[in-house]
Amino acid sequence: MSSPSPAIQIENLSYAYGRAEAVHDLTLTVQPGRCYGLFGRNGAGKTTTMKCLLHLLRPQRGQVRMFGLDPARNEVEVKRRLAYVPDQVAFYPWMSVRETLDYLASFRAHWNRKTEQELLDRFQLDPAQRTGSLSRGQRTQVALIAAVCPETELLVLDEPTSGLDPIVRREFIETVIGAYQEGNPGQRTILVSTHLITEFEGLIDEFTIIDHGVAVLSLDSDQARERYQKIRARFAQSPPELDLRAALRVRRNGRELELIANGGGAELLERLRQHNPEMLSTESLTLEEIFVATLKS
């Protein structure tokens, strides 16, 4: 039995606005059932990549495929199988929340009304309120409800938490992604672009970091946590002069050393042990710390 086509396949994608190249030679693959993170600072090329995937922009070089299909030639089939939340959400301002959801549901073959009501209650949204009077965060909440309820094969989220109150971001996104993936475990795929990585820490299976339109790191999240280590050592006196070139970053503070290791953690630990530190500890970096360390290195 042949394996299913990747949910998303991007090969050597490039796109420029005039002379300014937003995405350069980007390649990545998202397998079905995965939650994939596209991480980058504002202006890194995340939204341009999303728009090329969705045939809102035509790639200038390279190609994109979704479910093995060309989104330009098979636009209706591709978009029937996905839901998209853009970074800037807009609705018809004269419609109520109820009318907006009913209008969006009319374009879908399937719509989970139970999930819709649960999320409306959870986010304390008034169905009678006009969308023109909603805050940016509330509009994002409505858009996410509208993306989850059709229960499509693929959910594409572009900076989905950027308009939300920091206090509710993590619980909110866990609720939305949980409602989406739990409906058909292992079959529903998510591509989320964000520079606010902490909220997605336990949800991302795999990620690519892009900077100035170029992929600088692509890894499975568990492999990344094994590979990137924070090592702390404290000595009785000032730290000895050691060959620490294998470390991604070294910080000295009095009698203490803090190292960021990228794959060479065991060697660095052994080198430090030879100098009898009073304290020696190691821990995995979070995805956000890996993001920061990668872009600062």
C-alpha atoms as a PDB file:
ATOM      1  CA  MET A   1       0.000   0.000   0.000  1.00  0.00           C
ATOM      2  CA  SER A   2       1.475   3.355  -1.023  1.00  0.00           C
ATOM      3  CA  SER A   3       1.933   6.019   1.638  1.00  0.00           C
ATOM      4  CA  PRO A   4      -0.340   9.068   1.430  1.00  0.00           C
ATOM      5  CA  SER A   5       0.916  12.228  -0.260  1.00  0.00           C
ATOM      6  CA  PRO A   6       2.340  14.892   2.062  1.00  0.00           C
ATOM      7  CA  ALA A   7      -0.266  17.388   3.208  1.00  0.00           C
ATOM      8  CA  ILE A   8       2.123  20.148   2.104  1.00  0.00           C
ATOM      9  CA  GLN A   9       5.219  20.004  -0.065  1.00  0.00           C
ATOM     10  CA  ILE A  10       7.252  23.132  -0.861  1.00  0.00           C
ATOM     11  CA  GLU A  11      10.268  22.802  -3.148  1.00  0.00           C
ATOM     12  CA  ASN A  12      12.733  25.617  -3.860  1.00  0.00           C
ATOM     13  CA  LEU A  13      10.052  28.288  -3.431  1.00  0.00           C
ATOM     14  CA  SER A  14      11.077  31.873  -4.158  1.00  0.00           C
ATOM     15  CA  TYR A  15       9.020  35.050  -4.283  1.00  0.00           C
ATOM     16  CA  ALA A  16      10.043  38.719  -4.468  1.00  0.00           C
ATOM     17  CA  TYR A  17       8.187  42.009  -4.204  1.00  0.00           C
ATOM     18  CA  GLY A  18      10.060  44.049  -6.790  1.00  0.00           C
ATOM     19  CA  ARG A  19      13.723  43.715  -5.851  1.00  0.00           C
ATOM     20  CA  ALA A  20      12.996  42.667  -2.276  1.00  0.00           C
ATOM     21  CA  GLU A  21      13.077  38.859  -2.036  1.00  0.00           C
ATOM     22  CA  ALA A  22      10.601  37.726   0.623  1.00  0.00           C
ATOM     23  CA  VAL A  23      11.190  33.960   0.260  1.00  0.00           C
ATOM     24  CA  HIS A  24      14.322  32.364  -1.174  1.00  0.00           C
ATOM     25  CA  ASP A  25      14.704  28.712  -2.187  1.00  0.00           C
ATOM     26  CA  LEU A  26      12.470  27.402   0.612  1.00  0.00           C
ATOM     27  CA  THR A  27      11.901  23.644   0.864  1.00  0.00           C
ATOM     28  CA  LEU A  28       9.827  21.828   3.484  1.00  0.00           C
ATOM     29  CA  THR A  29       7.421  18.889   3.784  1.00  0.00           C
ATOM     30  CA  VAL A  30       4.483  18.466   6.166  1.00  0.00           C
ATOM     31  CA  GLN A  31       3.231  14.915   6.607  1.00  0.00           C
ATOM     32  CA  PRO A  32      -0.462  14.159   7.324  1.00  0.00           C
ATOM     33  CA  GLY A  33      -1.487  14.286  10.972  1.00  0.00           C
ATOM     34  CA  ARG A  34       1.365  16.553  12.070  1.00  0.00           C
ATOM     35  CA  CYS A  35       1.298  19.967  13.715  1.00  0.00           C
ATOM     36  CA  TYR A  36       4.032  21.874  11.872  1.00  0.00           C
ATOM     37  CA  GLY A  37       5.426  25.236  12.970  1.00  0.00           C
ATOM     38  CA  LEU A  38       6.787  27.869  10.610  1.00  0.00           C
ATOM     39  CA  PHE A  39       8.778  30.126  12.932  1.00  0.00           C
ATOM     40  CA  GLY A  40      10.258  33.494  12.080  1.00  0.00           C
ATOM     41  CA  ARG A  41      10.408  37.118  13.068  1.00  0.00           C
ATOM     42  CA  ASN A  42       7.943  39.603  11.604  1.00  0.00           C
ATOM     43  CA  GLY A  43       8.894  40.074   7.958  1.00  0.00           C
ATOM     44  CA  ALA A  44      10.735  36.742   7.729  1.00  0.00           C
ATOM     45  CA  GLY A  45       8.592  35.514   4.823  1.00  0.00           C
ATOM     46  CA  LYS A  46       6.002  33.417   6.664  1.00  0.00           C
ATOM     47  CA  THR A  47       2.893  35.117   5.279  1.00  0.00           C
ATOM     48  CA  THR A  48       4.286  35.169   1.731  1.00  0.00           C
ATOM     49  CA  THR A  49       4.894  31.421   1.991  1.00  0.00           C
ATOM     50  CA  MET A  50       1.308  30.885   3.186  1.00  0.00           C
ATOM     51  CA  LYS A  51      -0.092  32.981   0.322  1.00  0.00           C
ATOM     52  CA  CYS A  52       1.893  30.996  -2.243  1.00  0.00           C
ATOM     53  CA  LEU A  53       0.497  27.785  -0.773  1.00  0.00           C
ATOM     54  CA  LEU A  54      -3.063  29.072  -1.003  1.00  0.00           C
ATOM     55  CA  HIS A  55      -2.698  30.422  -4.555  1.00  0.00           C
ATOM     56  CA  LEU A  56      -3.120  33.984  -3.304  1.00  0.00           C
ATOM     57  CA  LEU A  57       0.327  34.599  -4.806  1.00  0.00           C
ATOM     58  CA  ARG A  58       1.869  32.659  -7.685  1.00  0.00           C
ATOM     59  CA  PRO A  59       5.375  31.296  -6.919  1.00  0.00           C
ATOM     60  CA  GLN A  60       7.998  32.964  -9.095  1.00  0.00           C
ATOM     61  CA  ARG A  61      10.331  29.971  -8.792  1.00  0.00           C
ATOM     62  CA  GLY A  62       9.904  26.491  -7.381  1.00  0.00           C
ATOM     63  CA  GLN A  63       6.626  24.746  -6.717  1.00  0.00           C
ATOM     64  CA  VAL A  64       4.095  23.991  -4.003  1.00  0.00           C
ATOM     65  CA  ARG A  65       1.824  20.982  -3.639  1.00  0.00           C
ATOM     66  CA  MET A  66      -1.025  20.310  -1.207  1.00  0.00           C
ATOM     67  CA  PHE A  67      -2.311  16.735  -0.885  1.00  0.00           C
ATOM     68  CA  GLY A  68      -0.153  16.050  -3.956  1.00  0.00           C
ATOM     69  CA  LEU A  69      -2.107  18.619  -5.988  1.00  0.00           C
ATOM     70  CA  ASP A  70      -1.119  21.911  -7.601  1.00  0.00           C
ATOM     71  CA  PRO A  71      -3.183  24.595  -5.771  1.00  0.00           C
ATOM     72  CA  ALA A  72      -3.240  26.717  -8.947  1.00  0.00           C
ATOM     73  CA  ARG A  73      -4.656  23.980 -11.188  1.00  0.00           C
ATOM     74  CA  ASN A  74      -6.781  22.264  -8.538  1.00  0.00           C
ATOM     75  CA  GLU A  75      -7.827  25.279  -6.500  1.00  0.00           C
ATOM     76  CA  VAL A  76     -11.378  24.184  -5.641  1.00  0.00           C
ATOM     77  CA  GLU A  77     -10.347  20.650  -4.632  1.00  0.00           C
ATOM     78  CA  VAL A  78      -7.450  21.927  -2.506  1.00  0.00           C
ATOM     79  CA  LYS A  79      -9.438  24.651  -0.732  1.00  0.00           C
ATOM     80  CA  ARG A  80     -12.313  22.264  -0.061  1.00  0.00           C
ATOM     81  CA  ARG A  81      -9.906  20.195   2.033  1.00  0.00           C
ATOM     82  CA  LEU A  82      -8.447  23.018   4.143  1.00  0.00           C
ATOM     83  CA  ALA A  83      -9.370  25.959   6.361  1.00  0.00           C
ATOM     84  CA  TYR A  84      -7.294  29.130   6.627  1.00  0.00           C
ATOM     85  CA  VAL A  85      -7.017  31.899   9.217  1.00  0.00           C
ATOM     86  CA  PRO A  86      -5.014  34.887   7.901  1.00  0.00           C
ATOM     87  CA  ASP A  87      -2.956  37.241  10.038  1.00  0.00           C
ATOM     88  CA  GLN A  88      -5.476  40.046   9.369  1.00  0.00           C
ATOM     89  CA  VAL A  89      -9.094  38.911   9.808  1.00  0.00           C
ATOM     90  CA  ALA A  90     -12.018  40.793   8.236  1.00  0.00           C
ATOM     91  CA  PHE A  91     -15.737  40.061   8.003  1.00  0.00           C
ATOM     92  CA  TYR A  92     -18.769  41.866   6.584  1.00  0.00           C
ATOM     93  CA  PRO A  93     -19.192  44.431   9.389  1.00  0.00           C
ATOM     94  CA  TRP A  94     -23.013  44.582   9.171  1.00  0.00           C
ATOM     95  CA  MET A  95     -23.366  40.849   9.860  1.00  0.00           C
ATOM     96  CA  SER A  96     -23.741  39.455  13.363  1.00  0.00           C
ATOM     97  CA  VAL A  97     -21.467  36.691  14.636  1.00  0.00           C
ATOM     98  CA  ARG A  98     -24.366  34.246  14.104  1.00  0.00           C
ATOM     99  CA  GLU A  99     -24.965  35.430  10.533  1.00  0.00           C
ATOM    100  CA  THR A 100     -21.249  35.328   9.767  1.00  0.00           C
ATOM    101  CA  LEU A 101     -20.863  31.732  10.939  1.00  0.00           C
ATOM    102  CA  ASP A 102     -24.017  30.660   9.082  1.00  0.00           C
ATOM    103  CA  TYR A 103     -22.750  32.387   5.925  1.00  0.00           C
ATOM    104  CA  LEU A 104     -19.370  30.648   6.145  1.00  0.00           C
ATOM    105  CA  ALA A 105     -21.037  27.305   6.935  1.00  0.00           C
ATOM    106  CA  SER A 106     -23.091  27.602   3.730  1.00  0.00           C
ATOM    107  CA  PHE A 107     -19.911  27.080   1.675  1.00  0.00           C
ATOM    108  CA  ARG A 108     -19.003  23.859   3.492  1.00  0.00           C
ATOM    109  CA  ALA A 109     -20.214  20.304   2.983  1.00  0.00           C
ATOM    110  CA  HIS A 110     -19.882  19.668   6.733  1.00  0.00           C
ATOM    111  CA  TRP A 111     -20.079  21.902   9.825  1.00  0.00           C
ATOM    112  CA  ASN A 112     -19.907  20.750  13.451  1.00  0.00           C
ATOM    113  CA  ARG A 113     -22.578  22.796  15.263  1.00  0.00           C
ATOM    114  CA  LYS A 114     -21.742  21.215  18.624  1.00  0.00           C
ATOM    115  CA  THR A 115     -18.129  22.371  18.404  1.00  0.00           C
ATOM    116  CA  GLU A 116     -19.307  25.792  17.228  1.00  0.00           C
ATOM    117  CA  GLN A 117     -21.542  26.257  20.288  1.00  0.00           C
ATOM    118  CA  GLU A 118     -18.880  24.961  22.694  1.00  0.00           C
ATOM    119  CA  LEU A 119     -16.326  27.448  21.366  1.00  0.00           C
ATOM    120  CA  LEU A 120     -18.802  30.360  21.332  1.00  0.00           C
ATOM    121  CA  ASP A 121     -19.527  29.614  24.993  1.00  0.00           C
ATOM    122  CA  ARG A 122     -15.877  29.134  25.841  1.00  0.00           C
ATOM    123  CA  PHE A 123     -14.865  32.477  24.349  1.00  0.00           C
ATOM    124  CA  GLN A 124     -17.984  34.247  25.675  1.00  0.00           C
ATOM    125  CA  LEU A 125     -18.882  35.573  22.238  1.00  0.00           C
ATOM    126  CA  ASP A 126     -22.357  37.055  21.762  1.00  0.00           C
ATOM    127  CA  PRO A 127     -23.866  35.582  18.568  1.00  0.00           C
ATOM    128  CA  ALA A 128     -26.055  38.681  18.157  1.00  0.00           C
ATOM    129  CA  GLN A 129     -23.119  41.143  18.180  1.00  0.00           C
ATOM    130  CA  ARG A 130     -22.172  42.692  14.846  1.00  0.00           C
ATOM    131  CA  THR A 131     -18.691  41.730  13.662  1.00  0.00           C
ATOM    132  CA  GLY A 132     -17.946  45.397  12.949  1.00  0.00           C
ATOM    133  CA  SER A 133     -17.974  46.077  16.702  1.00  0.00           C
ATOM    134  CA  LEU A 134     -15.719  43.144  17.664  1.00  0.00           C
ATOM    135  CA  SER A 135     -12.182  43.663  18.933  1.00  0.00           C
ATOM    136  CA  ARG A 136      -9.280  42.272  16.910  1.00  0.00           C
ATOM    137  CA  GLY A 137      -8.976  39.359  19.325  1.00  0.00           C
ATOM    138  CA  GLN A 138     -12.690  38.585  19.081  1.00  0.00           C
ATOM    139  CA  ARG A 139     -12.536  38.623  15.278  1.00  0.00           C
ATOM    140  CA  THR A 140      -9.652  36.163  15.479  1.00  0.00           C
ATOM    141  CA  GLN A 141     -11.748  33.965  17.775  1.00  0.00           C
ATOM    142  CA  VAL A 142     -14.643  33.957  15.285  1.00  0.00           C
ATOM    143  CA  ALA A 143     -12.238  33.151  12.439  1.00  0.00           C
ATOM    144  CA  LEU A 144     -10.755  30.239  14.373  1.00  0.00           C
ATOM    145  CA  ILE A 145     -14.227  28.856  15.174  1.00  0.00           C
ATOM    146  CA  ALA A 146     -15.052  29.100  11.474  1.00  0.00           C
ATOM    147  CA  ALA A 147     -11.821  27.274  10.615  1.00  0.00           C
ATOM    148  CA  VAL A 148     -12.315  24.427  13.086  1.00  0.00           C
ATOM    149  CA  CYS A 149     -16.028  23.656  12.523  1.00  0.00           C
ATOM    150  CA  PRO A 150     -15.759  22.342   8.910  1.00  0.00           C
ATOM    151  CA  GLU A 151     -13.328  19.696  10.246  1.00  0.00           C
ATOM    152  CA  THR A 152     -11.153  19.802   7.144  1.00  0.00           C
ATOM    153  CA  GLU A 153      -8.008  17.727   6.579  1.00  0.00           C
ATOM    154  CA  LEU A 154      -5.699  20.742   6.929  1.00  0.00           C
ATOM    155  CA  LEU A 155      -5.788  23.827   9.135  1.00  0.00           C
ATOM    156  CA  VAL A 156      -3.535  26.719   8.038  1.00  0.00           C
ATOM    157  CA  LEU A 157      -3.001  29.396  10.709  1.00  0.00           C
ATOM    158  CA  ASP A 158      -1.027  32.595  10.081  1.00  0.00           C
ATOM    159  CA  GLU A 159      -0.063  34.294  13.376  1.00  0.00           C
ATOM    160  CA  PRO A 160      -3.317  33.081  15.009  1.00  0.00           C
ATOM    161  CA  THR A 161      -2.582  34.430  18.511  1.00  0.00           C
ATOM    162  CA  SER A 162      -1.093  37.826  17.655  1.00  0.00           C
ATOM    163  CA  GLY A 163      -4.338  39.709  18.366  1.00  0.00           C
ATOM    164  CA  LEU A 164      -5.195  37.892  21.579  1.00  0.00           C
ATOM    165  CA  ASP A 165      -4.702  38.859  25.204  1.00  0.00           C
ATOM    166  CA  PRO A 166      -1.449  37.228  26.421  1.00  0.00           C
ATOM    167  CA  ILE A 167      -3.265  35.755  29.429  1.00  0.00           C
ATOM    168  CA  VAL A 168      -5.642  33.712  27.282  1.00  0.00           C
ATOM    169  CA  ARG A 169      -3.375  32.863  24.337  1.00  0.00           C
ATOM    170  CA  ARG A 170      -2.134  29.456  25.423  1.00  0.00           C
ATOM    171  CA  GLU A 171      -5.433  28.084  26.744  1.00  0.00           C
ATOM    172  CA  PHE A 172      -7.194  29.486  23.684  1.00  0.00           C
ATOM    173  CA  ILE A 173      -4.942  27.873  21.108  1.00  0.00           C
ATOM    174  CA  GLU A 174      -4.844  24.559  22.994  1.00  0.00           C
ATOM    175  CA  THR A 175      -8.653  24.571  23.001  1.00  0.00           C
ATOM    176  CA  VAL A 176      -8.910  25.299  19.291  1.00  0.00           C
ATOM    177  CA  ILE A 177      -6.203  22.870  18.185  1.00  0.00           C
ATOM    178  CA  GLY A 178      -7.477  20.277  20.648  1.00  0.00           C
ATOM    179  CA  ALA A 179     -11.021  20.529  19.266  1.00  0.00           C
ATOM    180  CA  TYR A 180      -9.666  20.175  15.738  1.00  0.00           C
ATOM    181  CA  GLN A 181      -7.197  17.293  16.163  1.00  0.00           C
ATOM    182  CA  GLU A 182      -9.190  15.230  18.673  1.00  0.00           C
ATOM    183  CA  GLY A 183     -12.025  14.863  16.160  1.00  0.00           C
ATOM    184  CA  ASN A 184      -9.893  12.550  13.998  1.00  0.00           C
ATOM    185  CA  PRO A 185      -6.606  11.746  15.753  1.00  0.00           C
ATOM    186  CA  GLY A 186      -3.585  11.295  13.504  1.00  0.00           C
ATOM    187  CA  GLN A 187      -5.411  12.418  10.364  1.00  0.00           C
ATOM    188  CA  ARG A 188      -5.771  16.188  10.685  1.00  0.00           C
ATOM    189  CA  THR A 189      -2.800  18.377   9.832  1.00  0.00           C
ATOM    190  CA  ILE A 190      -1.912  21.868  11.068  1.00  0.00           C
ATOM    191  CA  LEU A 191       0.505  24.398   9.614  1.00  0.00           C
ATOM    192  CA  VAL A 192       0.940  27.342  11.954  1.00  0.00           C
ATOM    193  CA  SER A 193       3.167  30.338  11.320  1.00  0.00           C
ATOM    194  CA  THR A 194       4.128  32.388  14.366  1.00  0.00           C
ATOM    195  CA  HIS A 195       6.820  34.384  16.126  1.00  0.00           C
ATOM    196  CA  LEU A 196       5.045  33.749  19.471  1.00  0.00           C
ATOM    197  CA  ILE A 197       6.341  30.219  19.986  1.00  0.00           C
ATOM    198  CA  THR A 198       5.754  29.652  23.715  1.00  0.00           C
ATOM    199  CA  GLU A 199       2.009  29.071  23.309  1.00  0.00           C
ATOM    200  CA  PHE A 200       2.664  26.195  20.895  1.00  0.00           C
ATOM    201  CA  GLU A 201       5.477  24.518  22.852  1.00  0.00           C
ATOM    202  CA  GLY A 202       3.688  21.235  23.554  1.00  0.00           C
ATOM    203  CA  LEU A 203       1.739  21.117  20.291  1.00  0.00           C
ATOM    204  CA  ILE A 204       4.370  21.412  17.552  1.00  0.00           C
ATOM    205  CA  ASP A 205       5.649  18.091  16.177  1.00  0.00           C
ATOM    206  CA  GLU A 206       8.093  19.558  13.683  1.00  0.00           C
ATOM    207  CA  PHE A 207       9.211  23.036  12.655  1.00  0.00           C
ATOM    208  CA  THR A 208      11.182  25.199  10.252  1.00  0.00           C
ATOM    209  CA  ILE A 209      12.792  28.482  11.273  1.00  0.00           C
ATOM    210  CA  ILE A 210      13.014  31.006   8.456  1.00  0.00           C
ATOM    211  CA  ASP A 211      14.914  34.282   8.479  1.00  0.00           C
ATOM    212  CA  HIS A 212      14.933  36.807   5.635  1.00  0.00           C
ATOM    213  CA  GLY A 213      13.012  34.243   3.577  1.00  0.00           C
ATOM    214  CA  VAL A 214      15.610  31.474   4.014  1.00  0.00           C
ATOM    215  CA  ALA A 215      15.163  28.250   6.017  1.00  0.00           C
ATOM    216  CA  VAL A 216      17.894  28.200   8.663  1.00  0.00           C
ATOM    217  CA  LEU A 217      16.757  25.114  10.630  1.00  0.00           C
ATOM    218  CA  SER A 218      14.219  22.294  10.110  1.00  0.00           C
ATOM    219  CA  LEU A 219      13.836  19.668  12.848  1.00  0.00           C
ATOM    220  CA  ASP A 220      11.498  17.292  14.627  1.00  0.00           C
ATOM    221  CA  SER A 221      10.680  18.954  17.964  1.00  0.00           C
ATOM    222  CA  ASP A 222      11.802  16.003  20.117  1.00  0.00           C
ATOM    223  CA  GLN A 223      15.071  15.750  18.190  1.00  0.00           C
ATOM    224  CA  ALA A 224      15.576  19.494  18.639  1.00  0.00           C
ATOM    225  CA  ARG A 225      15.176  19.219  22.409  1.00  0.00           C
ATOM    226  CA  GLU A 226      17.702  16.360  22.521  1.00  0.00           C
ATOM    227  CA  ARG A 227      20.175  18.255  20.370  1.00  0.00           C
ATOM    228  CA  TYR A 228      19.985  21.711  21.940  1.00  0.00           C
ATOM    229  CA  GLN A 229      21.106  21.721  25.569  1.00  0.00           C
ATOM    230  CA  LYS A 230      21.688  24.417  28.157  1.00  0.00           C
ATOM    231  CA  ILE A 231      24.660  23.517  30.361  1.00  0.00           C
ATOM    232  CA  ARG A 232      25.403  25.367  33.602  1.00  0.00           C
ATOM    233  CA  ALA A 233      28.593  24.990  35.649  1.00  0.00           C
ATOM    234  CA  ARG A 234      29.768  26.746  38.832  1.00  0.00           C
ATOM    235  CA  PHE A 235      33.358  26.574  40.018  1.00  0.00           C
ATOM    236  CA  ALA A 236      35.030  27.315  43.360  1.00  0.00           C
ATOM    237  CA  GLN A 237      37.001  30.091  41.683  1.00  0.00           C
ATOM    238  CA  SER A 238      36.820  31.871  38.318  1.00  0.00           C
ATOM    239  CA  PRO A 239      36.008  29.438  35.505  1.00  0.00           C
ATOM    240  CA  PRO A 240      39.110  27.924  33.871  1.00  0.00           C
ATOM    241  CA  GLU A 241      40.035  28.793  30.309  1.00  0.00           C
ATOM    242  CA  LEU A 242      38.561  25.973  28.237  1.00  0.00           C
ATOM    243  CA  ASP A 243      38.180  25.168  24.568  1.00  0.00           C
ATOM    244  CA  LEU A 244      34.438  25.786  24.219  1.00  0.00           C
ATOM    245  CA  ARG A 245      34.314  26.359  20.481  1.00  0.00           C
ATOM    246  CA  ALA A 246      31.804  23.499  20.187  1.00  0.00           C
ATOM    247  CA  ALA A 247      29.256  25.613  22.099  1.00  0.00           C
ATOM    248  CA  LEU A 248      26.756  27.708  20.201  1.00  0.00           C
ATOM    249  CA  ARG A 249      26.966  30.389  22.872  1.00  0.00           C
ATOM    250  CA  VAL A 250      29.002  30.922  26.061  1.00  0.00           C
ATOM    251  CA  ARG A 251      28.112  33.289  28.888  1.00  0.00           C
ATOM    252  CA  ARG A 252      30.387  33.911  31.887  1.00  0.00           C
ATOM    253  CA  ASN A 253      29.021  35.387  35.122  1.00  0.00           C
ATOM    254  CA  GLY A 254      31.469  35.434  38.043  1.00  0.00           C
ATOM    255  CA  ARG A 255      32.176  31.808  38.957  1.00  0.00           C
ATOM    256  CA  GLU A 256      29.503  30.470  36.636  1.00  0.00           C
ATOM    257  CA  LEU A 257      29.438  29.381  33.009  1.00  0.00           C
ATOM    258  CA  GLU A 258      26.332  28.920  30.878  1.00  0.00           C
ATOM    259  CA  LEU A 259      26.682  27.186  27.530  1.00  0.00           C
ATOM    260  CA  ILE A 260      24.229  26.527  24.735  1.00  0.00           C
ATOM    261  CA  ALA A 261      25.169  23.286  22.984  1.00  0.00           C
ATOM    262  CA  ASN A 262      24.040  22.274  19.540  1.00  0.00           C
ATOM    263  CA  GLY A 263      24.705  18.552  19.368  1.00  0.00           C
ATOM    264  CA  GLY A 264      27.997  18.542  21.271  1.00  0.00           C
ATOM    265  CA  GLY A 265      26.587  18.466  24.795  1.00  0.00           C
ATOM    266  CA  ALA A 266      28.271  15.225  25.964  1.00  0.00           C
ATOM    267  CA  GLU A 267      31.716  16.430  24.901  1.00  0.00           C
ATOM    268  CA  LEU A 268      31.270  19.799  26.600  1.00  0.00           C
ATOM    269  CA  LEU A 269      30.007  18.175  29.806  1.00  0.00           C
ATOM    270  CA  GLU A 270      33.060  15.904  29.946  1.00  0.00           C
ATOM    271  CA  ARG A 271      35.391  18.851  29.381  1.00  0.00           C
ATOM    272  CA  LEU A 272      33.769  20.749  32.246  1.00  0.00           C
ATOM    273  CA  ARG A 273      33.816  17.720  34.600  1.00  0.00           C
ATOM    274  CA  GLN A 274      37.596  17.491  34.269  1.00  0.00           C
ATOM    275  CA  HIS A 275      37.832  20.785  36.177  1.00  0.00           C
ATOM    276  CA  ASN A 276      35.741  19.603  39.163  1.00  0.00           C
ATOM    277  CA  PRO A 277      32.873  22.091  39.124  1.00  0.00           C
ATOM    278  CA  GLU A 278      30.868  22.610  42.311  1.00  0.00           C
ATOM    279  CA  MET A 279      27.687  22.324  40.264  1.00  0.00           C
ATOM    280  CA  LEU A 280      27.021  20.963  36.802  1.00  0.00           C
ATOM    281  CA  SER A 281      23.560  20.705  35.251  1.00  0.00           C
ATOM    282  CA  THR A 282      21.985  20.306  31.848  1.00  0.00           C
ATOM    283  CA  GLU A 283      18.479  20.849  30.457  1.00  0.00           C
ATOM    284  CA  SER A 284      16.807  20.858  27.078  1.00  0.00           C
ATOM    285  CA  LEU A 285      16.054  24.182  25.458  1.00  0.00           C
ATOM    286  CA  THR A 286      12.457  25.115  24.762  1.00  0.00           C
ATOM    287  CA  LEU A 287      11.476  25.671  21.128  1.00  0.00           C
ATOM    288  CA  GLU A 288      11.496  29.424  21.744  1.00  0.00           C
ATOM    289  CA  GLU A 289      15.012  29.256  23.197  1.00  0.00           C
ATOM    290  CA  ILE A 290      16.127  27.209  20.172  1.00  0.00           C
ATOM    291  CA  PHE A 291      14.568  29.860  17.926  1.00  0.00           C
ATOM    292  CA  VAL A 292      16.425  32.678  19.701  1.00  0.00           C
ATOM    293  CA  ALA A 293      19.729  30.755  19.842  1.00  0.00           C
ATOM    294  CA  THR A 294      19.527  29.891  16.138  1.00  0.00           C
ATOM    295  CA  LEU A 295      18.907  33.461  15.031  1.00  0.00           C
ATOM    296  CA  LYS A 296      21.592  34.877  17.352  1.00  0.00           C
ATOM    297  CA  SER A 297      24.293  32.381  16.373  1.00  0.00           C
END
